[in-house]
C-alpha atoms as a PDB file:
ATOM      1  CA  UNK A   1      94.979  84.308 157.610  1.00  0.00           C
ATOM      2  CA  UNK A   2      97.023  85.838 154.765  1.00  0.00           C
ATOM      3  CA  UNK A   3      97.148  89.606 154.515  1.00  0.00           C
ATOM      4  CA  UNK A   4      96.307  90.949 151.054  1.00  0.00           C
ATOM      5  CA  UNK A   5      99.177  93.427 151.046  1.00  0.00           C
ATOM      6  CA  UNK A   6     101.689  90.566 151.183  1.00  0.00           C
ATOM      7  CA  UNK A   7     100.313  88.575 148.218  1.00  0.00           C
ATOM      8  CA  UNK A   8     101.594  90.948 145.561  1.00  0.00           C
ATOM      9  CA  UNK A   9     105.105  90.932 146.998  1.00  0.00           C
ATOM     10  CA  UNK A  10     105.673  87.252 146.239  1.00  0.00           C
ATOM     11  CA  UNK A  11     108.222  86.743 143.468  1.00  0.00           C
ATOM     12  CA  UNK A  12     109.255  90.392 143.361  1.00  0.00           C
ATOM     13  CA  UNK A  13     112.962  91.036 142.945  1.00  0.00           C
ATOM     14  CA  UNK A  14     114.692  93.485 145.231  1.00  0.00           C
ATOM     15  CA  UNK A  15     115.201  96.957 143.686  1.00  0.00           C
ATOM     16  CA  UNK A  16     118.966  96.417 143.474  1.00  0.00           C
ATOM     17  CA  UNK A  17     118.521  93.275 141.355  1.00  0.00           C
ATOM     18  CA  UNK A  18     116.032  95.039 139.115  1.00  0.00           C
ATOM     19  CA  UNK A  19     118.486  97.887 138.630  1.00  0.00           C
ATOM     20  CA  UNK A  20     121.300  95.453 137.784  1.00  0.00           C
ATOM     21  CA  UNK A  21     119.115  93.622 135.237  1.00  0.00           C
ATOM     22  CA  UNK A  22     118.066  96.903 133.651  1.00  0.00           C
ATOM     23  CA  UNK A  23     121.667  98.076 133.406  1.00  0.00           C
ATOM     24  CA  UNK A  24     122.650  94.765 131.833  1.00  0.00           C
ATOM     25  CA  UNK A  25     119.883  95.126 129.231  1.00  0.00           C
ATOM     26  CA  UNK A  26     120.947  98.686 128.443  1.00  0.00           C
ATOM     27  CA  UNK A  27     124.572  97.596 128.020  1.00  0.00           C
ATOM     28  CA  UNK A  28     123.526  94.690 125.782  1.00  0.00           C
ATOM     29  CA  UNK A  29     121.469  97.023 123.617  1.00  0.00           C
ATOM     30  CA  UNK A  30     124.330  99.541 123.424  1.00  0.00           C
ATOM     31  CA  UNK A  31     126.770  96.792 122.402  1.00  0.00           C
ATOM     32  CA  UNK A  32     124.368  95.628 119.698  1.00  0.00           C
ATOM     33  CA  UNK A  33     124.058  99.141 118.299  1.00  0.00           C
ATOM     34  CA  UNK A  34     127.835  99.554 118.423  1.00  0.00           C
ATOM     35  CA  UNK A  35     128.293  96.266 116.567  1.00  0.00           C
ATOM     36  CA  UNK A  36     125.878  97.311 113.840  1.00  0.00           C
ATOM     37  CA  UNK A  37     127.705 100.609 113.452  1.00  0.00           C
ATOM     38  CA  UNK A  38     131.275  99.293 113.429  1.00  0.00           C
ATOM     39  CA  UNK A  39     130.728  95.988 111.594  1.00  0.00           C
ATOM     40  CA  UNK A  40     129.597  96.599 108.064  1.00  0.00           C
ATOM     41  CA  UNK A  41     129.905  94.068 105.228  1.00  0.00           C
ATOM     42  CA  UNK A  42     132.587  94.748 102.661  1.00  0.00           C
ATOM     43  CA  UNK A  43     130.333  93.767  99.778  1.00  0.00           C
ATOM     44  CA  UNK A  44     132.258  90.617  98.883  1.00  0.00           C
ATOM     45  CA  UNK A  45     130.464  88.304 101.333  1.00  0.00           C
ATOM     46  CA  UNK A  46     127.613  87.172  99.038  1.00  0.00           C
ATOM     47  CA  UNK A  47     129.985  86.421  96.158  1.00  0.00           C
ATOM     48  CA  UNK A  48     132.408  84.526  98.371  1.00  0.00           C
ATOM     49  CA  UNK A  49     129.573  82.559  99.927  1.00  0.00           C
ATOM     50  CA  UNK A  50     128.215  81.674  96.495  1.00  0.00           C
ATOM     51  CA  UNK A  51     131.666  80.413  95.492  1.00  0.00           C
ATOM     52  CA  UNK A  52     131.819  78.295  98.634  1.00  0.00           C
ATOM     53  CA  UNK A  53     128.257  77.044  98.147  1.00  0.00           C
ATOM     54  CA  UNK A  54     128.886  76.037  94.549  1.00  0.00           C
ATOM     55  CA  UNK A  55     132.418  74.682  94.872  1.00  0.00           C
ATOM     56  CA  UNK A  56     131.596  72.419  97.839  1.00  0.00           C
ATOM     57  CA  UNK A  57     128.719  70.853  95.863  1.00  0.00           C
ATOM     58  CA  UNK A  58     126.414  71.234  98.853  1.00  0.00           C
ATOM     59  CA  UNK A  59     123.681  72.043  96.326  1.00  0.00           C
ATOM     60  CA  UNK A  60     123.923  68.461  95.087  1.00  0.00           C
ATOM     61  CA  UNK A  61     123.028  67.262  98.587  1.00  0.00           C
ATOM     62  CA  UNK A  62     119.890  69.363  98.898  1.00  0.00           C
ATOM     63  CA  UNK A  63     116.658  67.364  99.079  1.00  0.00           C
ATOM     64  CA  UNK A  64     112.943  68.009  99.246  1.00  0.00           C
ATOM     65  CA  UNK A  65     111.120  65.237 101.136  1.00  0.00           C
ATOM     66  CA  UNK A  66     114.046  62.937 100.428  1.00  0.00           C
ATOM     67  CA  UNK A  67     114.319  63.687  96.708  1.00  0.00           C
ATOM     68  CA  UNK A  68     117.362  65.525  95.391  1.00  0.00           C
ATOM     69  CA  UNK A  69     116.807  69.077  94.170  1.00  0.00           C
ATOM     70  CA  UNK A  70     119.883  70.710  92.659  1.00  0.00           C
ATOM     71  CA  UNK A  71     119.058  74.217  93.811  1.00  0.00           C
ATOM     72  CA  UNK A  72     120.209  76.919  96.155  1.00  0.00           C
ATOM     73  CA  UNK A  73     118.045  76.675  99.255  1.00  0.00           C
ATOM     74  CA  UNK A  74     117.653  80.462  99.382  1.00  0.00           C
ATOM     75  CA  UNK A  75     116.478  80.418  95.762  1.00  0.00           C
ATOM     76  CA  UNK A  76     113.931  77.740  96.615  1.00  0.00           C
ATOM     77  CA  UNK A  77     112.626  79.858  99.474  1.00  0.00           C
ATOM     78  CA  UNK A  78     112.488  82.825  97.106  1.00  0.00           C
ATOM     79  CA  UNK A  79     110.564  80.772  94.544  1.00  0.00           C
ATOM     80  CA  UNK A  80     107.911  79.739  97.050  1.00  0.00           C
ATOM     81  CA  UNK A  81     107.403  83.394  97.985  1.00  0.00           C
ATOM     82  CA  UNK A  82     107.076  84.351  94.309  1.00  0.00           C
ATOM     83  CA  UNK A  83     104.690  81.484  93.630  1.00  0.00           C
ATOM     84  CA  UNK A  84     102.523  82.344  96.617  1.00  0.00           C
ATOM     85  CA  UNK A  85     102.275  85.972  95.503  1.00  0.00           C
ATOM     86  CA  UNK A  86     101.778  85.096  91.820  1.00  0.00           C
ATOM     87  CA  UNK A  87      99.457  82.118  92.371  1.00  0.00           C
ATOM     88  CA  UNK A  88     100.140  80.673  88.923  1.00  0.00           C
ATOM     89  CA  UNK A  89      97.912  78.119  87.267  1.00  0.00           C
ATOM     90  CA  UNK A  90     100.753  76.577  85.253  1.00  0.00           C
ATOM     91  CA  UNK A  91     104.377  75.995  86.228  1.00  0.00           C
ATOM     92  CA  UNK A  92     106.860  75.214  83.461  1.00  0.00           C
ATOM     93  CA  UNK A  93     110.111  73.527  84.447  1.00  0.00           C
ATOM     94  CA  UNK A  94     112.827  72.852  81.885  1.00  0.00           C
ATOM     95  CA  UNK A  95     115.265  70.437  83.524  1.00  0.00           C
ATOM     96  CA  UNK A  96     113.893  67.689  85.767  1.00  0.00           C
ATOM     97  CA  UNK A  97     116.779  65.576  87.102  1.00  0.00           C
ATOM     98  CA  UNK A  98     115.377  63.540  90.031  1.00  0.00           C
ATOM     99  CA  UNK A  99     112.234  65.635  90.311  1.00  0.00           C
ATOM    100  CA  UNK A 100     112.808  67.168  93.752  1.00  0.00           C
ATOM    101  CA  UNK A 101     112.029  70.685  92.585  1.00  0.00           C
ATOM    102  CA  UNK A 102     108.958  69.469  90.669  1.00  0.00           C
ATOM    103  CA  UNK A 103     107.583  67.969  93.874  1.00  0.00           C
ATOM    104  CA  UNK A 104     108.553  71.117  95.781  1.00  0.00           C
ATOM    105  CA  UNK A 105     106.537  73.288  93.391  1.00  0.00           C
ATOM    106  CA  UNK A 106     103.604  70.873  93.457  1.00  0.00           C
ATOM    107  CA  UNK A 107     103.493  70.832  97.264  1.00  0.00           C
ATOM    108  CA  UNK A 108     103.453  74.629  97.386  1.00  0.00           C
ATOM    109  CA  UNK A 109     100.682  74.816  94.809  1.00  0.00           C
ATOM    110  CA  UNK A 110      98.572  72.299  96.688  1.00  0.00           C
ATOM    111  CA  UNK A 111      98.884  74.480  99.791  1.00  0.00           C
ATOM    112  CA  UNK A 112      97.683  77.471  97.775  1.00  0.00           C
ATOM    113  CA  UNK A 113      94.673  75.383  96.857  1.00  0.00           C
ATOM    114  CA  UNK A 114      93.716  76.472  93.356  1.00  0.00           C
ATOM    115  CA  UNK A 115      93.647  74.269  90.209  1.00  0.00           C
ATOM    116  CA  UNK A 116      97.067  73.968  88.625  1.00  0.00           C
ATOM    117  CA  UNK A 117      99.344  71.791  86.568  1.00  0.00           C
ATOM    118  CA  UNK A 118     103.122  71.496  86.335  1.00  0.00           C
ATOM    119  CA  UNK A 119     104.971  70.448  83.196  1.00  0.00           C
ATOM    120  CA  UNK A 120     108.552  69.274  83.689  1.00  0.00           C
ATOM    121  CA  UNK A 121     110.648  68.563  80.609  1.00  0.00           C
ATOM    122  CA  UNK A 122     114.029  66.880  80.294  1.00  0.00           C
ATOM    123  CA  UNK A 123     115.901  65.116  77.526  1.00  0.00           C
ATOM    124  CA  UNK A 124     115.860  61.991  79.726  1.00  0.00           C
ATOM    125  CA  UNK A 125     114.045  60.972  82.878  1.00  0.00           C
ATOM    126  CA  UNK A 126     116.349  58.096  83.771  1.00  0.00           C
ATOM    127  CA  UNK A 127     117.208  59.841  87.048  1.00  0.00           C
ATOM    128  CA  UNK A 128     113.573  60.651  87.909  1.00  0.00           C
ATOM    129  CA  UNK A 129     112.652  59.470  91.405  1.00  0.00           C
ATOM    130  CA  UNK A 130     109.571  57.197  91.533  1.00  0.00           C
ATOM    131  CA  UNK A 131     107.934  59.330  94.239  1.00  0.00           C
ATOM    132  CA  UNK A 132     108.149  62.411  92.036  1.00  0.00           C
ATOM    133  CA  UNK A 133     107.108  60.506  88.918  1.00  0.00           C
ATOM    134  CA  UNK A 134     103.874  59.426  90.594  1.00  0.00           C
ATOM    135  CA  UNK A 135     102.777  62.943  91.528  1.00  0.00           C
ATOM    136  CA  UNK A 136      99.324  63.455  89.961  1.00  0.00           C
ATOM    137  CA  UNK A 137      99.795  67.188  89.425  1.00  0.00           C
ATOM    138  CA  UNK A 138     103.044  67.006  87.443  1.00  0.00           C
ATOM    139  CA  UNK A 139     103.337  66.086  83.771  1.00  0.00           C
ATOM    140  CA  UNK A 140     106.798  64.693  83.054  1.00  0.00           C
ATOM    141  CA  UNK A 141     107.861  64.734  79.402  1.00  0.00           C
ATOM    142  CA  UNK A 142     111.023  63.228  77.942  1.00  0.00           C
ATOM    143  CA  UNK A 143     111.985  65.615  75.171  1.00  0.00           C
ATOM    144  CA  UNK A 144     114.204  68.486  74.213  1.00  0.00           C
ATOM    145  CA  UNK A 145     112.742  71.537  75.887  1.00  0.00           C
ATOM    146  CA  UNK A 146     112.914  73.422  72.597  1.00  0.00           C
ATOM    147  CA  UNK A 147     110.844  70.924  70.579  1.00  0.00           C
ATOM    148  CA  UNK A 148     107.731  72.444  68.928  1.00  0.00           C
ATOM    149  CA  UNK A 149     105.586  69.787  70.634  1.00  0.00           C
ATOM    150  CA  UNK A 150     106.524  71.277  74.012  1.00  0.00           C
ATOM    151  CA  UNK A 151     105.224  74.673  72.946  1.00  0.00           C
ATOM    152  CA  UNK A 152     101.986  73.012  71.803  1.00  0.00           C
ATOM    153  CA  UNK A 153     101.574  71.246  75.149  1.00  0.00           C
ATOM    154  CA  UNK A 154     102.129  74.478  77.055  1.00  0.00           C
ATOM    155  CA  UNK A 155      99.454  76.189  74.955  1.00  0.00           C
ATOM    156  CA  UNK A 156      97.040  73.385  75.797  1.00  0.00           C
ATOM    157  CA  UNK A 157      97.779  73.707  79.507  1.00  0.00           C
ATOM    158  CA  UNK A 158      97.326  77.473  79.429  1.00  0.00           C
ATOM    159  CA  UNK A 159      93.922  76.988  77.849  1.00  0.00           C
ATOM    160  CA  UNK A 160      92.938  74.331  80.376  1.00  0.00           C
ATOM    161  CA  UNK A 161      94.351  76.206  83.380  1.00  0.00           C
ATOM    162  CA  UNK A 162      93.916  79.934  82.678  1.00  0.00           C
ATOM    163  CA  UNK A 163      95.931  82.299  84.819  1.00  0.00           C
ATOM    164  CA  UNK A 164      99.520  83.248  85.462  1.00  0.00           C
ATOM    165  CA  UNK A 165     102.574  81.164  84.589  1.00  0.00           C
ATOM    166  CA  UNK A 166     105.782  80.589  86.534  1.00  0.00           C
ATOM    167  CA  UNK A 167     108.552  79.236  84.285  1.00  0.00           C
ATOM    168  CA  UNK A 168     112.044  78.122  85.258  1.00  0.00           C
ATOM    169  CA  UNK A 169     114.879  77.210  82.879  1.00  0.00           C
ATOM    170  CA  UNK A 170     117.350  74.719  84.348  1.00  0.00           C
ATOM    171  CA  UNK A 171     118.292  72.229  81.652  1.00  0.00           C
ATOM    172  CA  UNK A 172     121.176  72.587  79.189  1.00  0.00           C
ATOM    173  CA  UNK A 173     123.233  75.565  80.375  1.00  0.00           C
ATOM    174  CA  UNK A 174     124.776  76.537  77.056  1.00  0.00           C
ATOM    175  CA  UNK A 175     123.991  79.957  75.656  1.00  0.00           C
ATOM    176  CA  UNK A 176     122.392  78.701  72.457  1.00  0.00           C
ATOM    177  CA  UNK A 177     120.060  76.284  74.180  1.00  0.00           C
ATOM    178  CA  UNK A 178     118.900  78.745  76.838  1.00  0.00           C
ATOM    179  CA  UNK A 179     118.347  81.391  74.189  1.00  0.00           C
ATOM    180  CA  UNK A 180     116.222  78.933  72.200  1.00  0.00           C
ATOM    181  CA  UNK A 181     114.191  78.147  75.337  1.00  0.00           C
ATOM    182  CA  UNK A 182     113.552  81.826  75.953  1.00  0.00           C
ATOM    183  CA  UNK A 183     112.465  82.304  72.348  1.00  0.00           C
ATOM    184  CA  UNK A 184     110.173  79.277  72.532  1.00  0.00           C
ATOM    185  CA  UNK A 185     108.476  80.794  75.585  1.00  0.00           C
ATOM    186  CA  UNK A 186     108.218  84.275  74.067  1.00  0.00           C
ATOM    187  CA  UNK A 187     104.767  83.821  72.452  1.00  0.00           C
ATOM    188  CA  UNK A 188     103.573  81.636  75.335  1.00  0.00           C
ATOM    189  CA  UNK A 189     104.134  84.001  78.266  1.00  0.00           C
ATOM    190  CA  UNK A 190     101.932  87.022  78.803  1.00  0.00           C
ATOM    191  CA  UNK A 191     102.112  90.169  80.928  1.00  0.00           C
ATOM    192  CA  UNK A 192     102.728  89.404  84.592  1.00  0.00           C
ATOM    193  CA  UNK A 193     104.099  85.901  84.038  1.00  0.00           C
ATOM    194  CA  UNK A 194     107.362  85.116  85.820  1.00  0.00           C
ATOM    195  CA  UNK A 195     110.513  83.647  84.272  1.00  0.00           C
ATOM    196  CA  UNK A 196     113.571  82.363  86.120  1.00  0.00           C
ATOM    197  CA  UNK A 197     116.741  81.690  84.119  1.00  0.00           C
ATOM    198  CA  UNK A 198     118.891  79.566  86.410  1.00  0.00           C
ATOM    199  CA  UNK A 199     122.639  78.929  86.489  1.00  0.00           C
ATOM    200  CA  UNK A 200     123.470  82.337  85.072  1.00  0.00           C
ATOM    201  CA  UNK A 201     126.189  82.420  87.730  1.00  0.00           C
ATOM    202  CA  UNK A 202     128.290  80.199  85.416  1.00  0.00           C
ATOM    203  CA  UNK A 203     131.120  81.519  83.249  1.00  0.00           C
ATOM    204  CA  UNK A 204     132.451  83.853  85.916  1.00  0.00           C
ATOM    205  CA  UNK A 205     129.242  85.310  87.400  1.00  0.00           C
ATOM    206  CA  UNK A 206     131.018  84.447  89.659  1.00  0.00           C
ATOM    207  CA  UNK A 207     131.694  80.665  89.378  1.00  0.00           C
ATOM    208  CA  UNK A 208     133.304  78.457  86.707  1.00  0.00           C
ATOM    209  CA  UNK A 209     134.885  81.292  84.694  1.00  0.00           C
ATOM    210  CA  UNK A 210     135.968  78.808  82.016  1.00  0.00           C
ATOM    211  CA  UNK A 211     132.483  77.475  81.359  1.00  0.00           C
ATOM    212  CA  UNK A 212     131.939  79.407  78.156  1.00  0.00           C
ATOM    213  CA  UNK A 213     128.861  81.390  77.104  1.00  0.00           C
ATOM    214  CA  UNK A 214     125.886  80.199  79.103  1.00  0.00           C
ATOM    215  CA  UNK A 215     122.606  81.406  80.592  1.00  0.00           C
ATOM    216  CA  UNK A 216     123.888  84.878  81.492  1.00  0.00           C
ATOM    217  CA  UNK A 217     124.969  85.513  77.921  1.00  0.00           C
ATOM    218  CA  UNK A 218     121.678  84.062  76.668  1.00  0.00           C
ATOM    219  CA  UNK A 219     119.765  86.645  78.711  1.00  0.00           C
ATOM    220  CA  UNK A 220     121.936  89.411  77.268  1.00  0.00           C
ATOM    221  CA  UNK A 221     121.473  88.152  73.707  1.00  0.00           C
ATOM    222  CA  UNK A 222     117.721  87.810  74.156  1.00  0.00           C
ATOM    223  CA  UNK A 223     117.372  91.318  75.541  1.00  0.00           C
ATOM    224  CA  UNK A 224     119.445  92.753  72.739  1.00  0.00           C
ATOM    225  CA  UNK A 225     116.967  91.248  70.283  1.00  0.00           C
ATOM    226  CA  UNK A 226     113.819  91.826  72.356  1.00  0.00           C
ATOM    227  CA  UNK A 227     114.635  94.703  74.730  1.00  0.00           C
ATOM    228  CA  UNK A 228     111.100  95.357  75.944  1.00  0.00           C
ATOM    229  CA  UNK A 229     109.920  91.849  76.817  1.00  0.00           C
ATOM    230  CA  UNK A 230     110.907  91.665  80.479  1.00  0.00           C
ATOM    231  CA  UNK A 231     111.443  93.743  83.586  1.00  0.00           C
ATOM    232  CA  UNK A 232     114.129  92.464  85.938  1.00  0.00           C
ATOM    233  CA  UNK A 233     112.910  91.840  89.467  1.00  0.00           C
ATOM    234  CA  UNK A 234     116.125  93.144  91.031  1.00  0.00           C
ATOM    235  CA  UNK A 235     114.710  93.459  94.539  1.00  0.00           C
ATOM    236  CA  UNK A 236     113.666  89.818  94.541  1.00  0.00           C
ATOM    237  CA  UNK A 237     116.948  88.703  92.973  1.00  0.00           C
ATOM    238  CA  UNK A 238     118.984  90.451  95.673  1.00  0.00           C
ATOM    239  CA  UNK A 239     116.763  89.503  98.600  1.00  0.00           C
ATOM    240  CA  UNK A 240     119.016  86.795 100.052  1.00  0.00           C
ATOM    241  CA  UNK A 241     122.332  88.249  98.917  1.00  0.00           C
ATOM    242  CA  UNK A 242     123.249  85.548  96.415  1.00  0.00           C
ATOM    243  CA  UNK A 243     121.463  83.467  93.818  1.00  0.00           C
ATOM    244  CA  UNK A 244     122.088  80.804  91.194  1.00  0.00           C
ATOM    245  CA  UNK A 245     120.155  83.069  88.794  1.00  0.00           C
ATOM    246  CA  UNK A 246     121.883  86.483  88.649  1.00  0.00           C
ATOM    247  CA  UNK A 247     120.076  88.745  86.188  1.00  0.00           C
ATOM    248  CA  UNK A 248     117.573  85.916  85.774  1.00  0.00           C
ATOM    249  CA  UNK A 249     114.521  86.997  87.822  1.00  0.00           C
ATOM    250  CA  UNK A 250     112.259  88.364  85.116  1.00  0.00           C
ATOM    251  CA  UNK A 251     108.654  89.542  84.849  1.00  0.00           C
ATOM    252  CA  UNK A 252     106.993  89.552  81.433  1.00  0.00           C
ATOM    253  CA  UNK A 253     105.867  92.986  80.288  1.00  0.00           C
END
């Protein structure tokens, strides 16, 4: 016969062991607090990491379901958070390459579960992966992103799929071209729509200082001409410490 007062004692540690474990936990916590207090970032870490990330070309080895997506992985995570919050009906992508990011956006939108369409435009789709090309929710168009026909197609999609728009510019990274893309989108985006201008880290922000005027300068030129069009989503831009789109997270006013 087993006495009831002995059942609860099974598996109990002796008081000395409990005290030792508690002391160890307290010391571990104290060391953690001390580390947080004495180790503080200098402020250069995000910039140095971005230089490493870009200069090693690891971004060229990033894939989504086996298809190359030339993006920063932290940016891609950021984009899915934005898209989930925004729940756009239309996604505009200028710059397709192999189509990895197109498929990434489409997969997120299908999880959200509302009607949508993605338009992805590039001057050539020779590199487009067959798996991306066959996605039923993405319209791939071979064209200059600044052609009037592209604006017409976006208008049609907005009418067919009413709601918010998420647009991302990642094609020709010269200042003039990006500025033309932003101007093309100006009458097409409405209050609350989201615009990402990628690769504004070029020309010394902080990589490839010899690139020449590019996306960053295009944003500056656009805002000089149209100062009240956008609000910069600085909190979102800085969320992961570095981005391929500095100054390029923008919400339409």
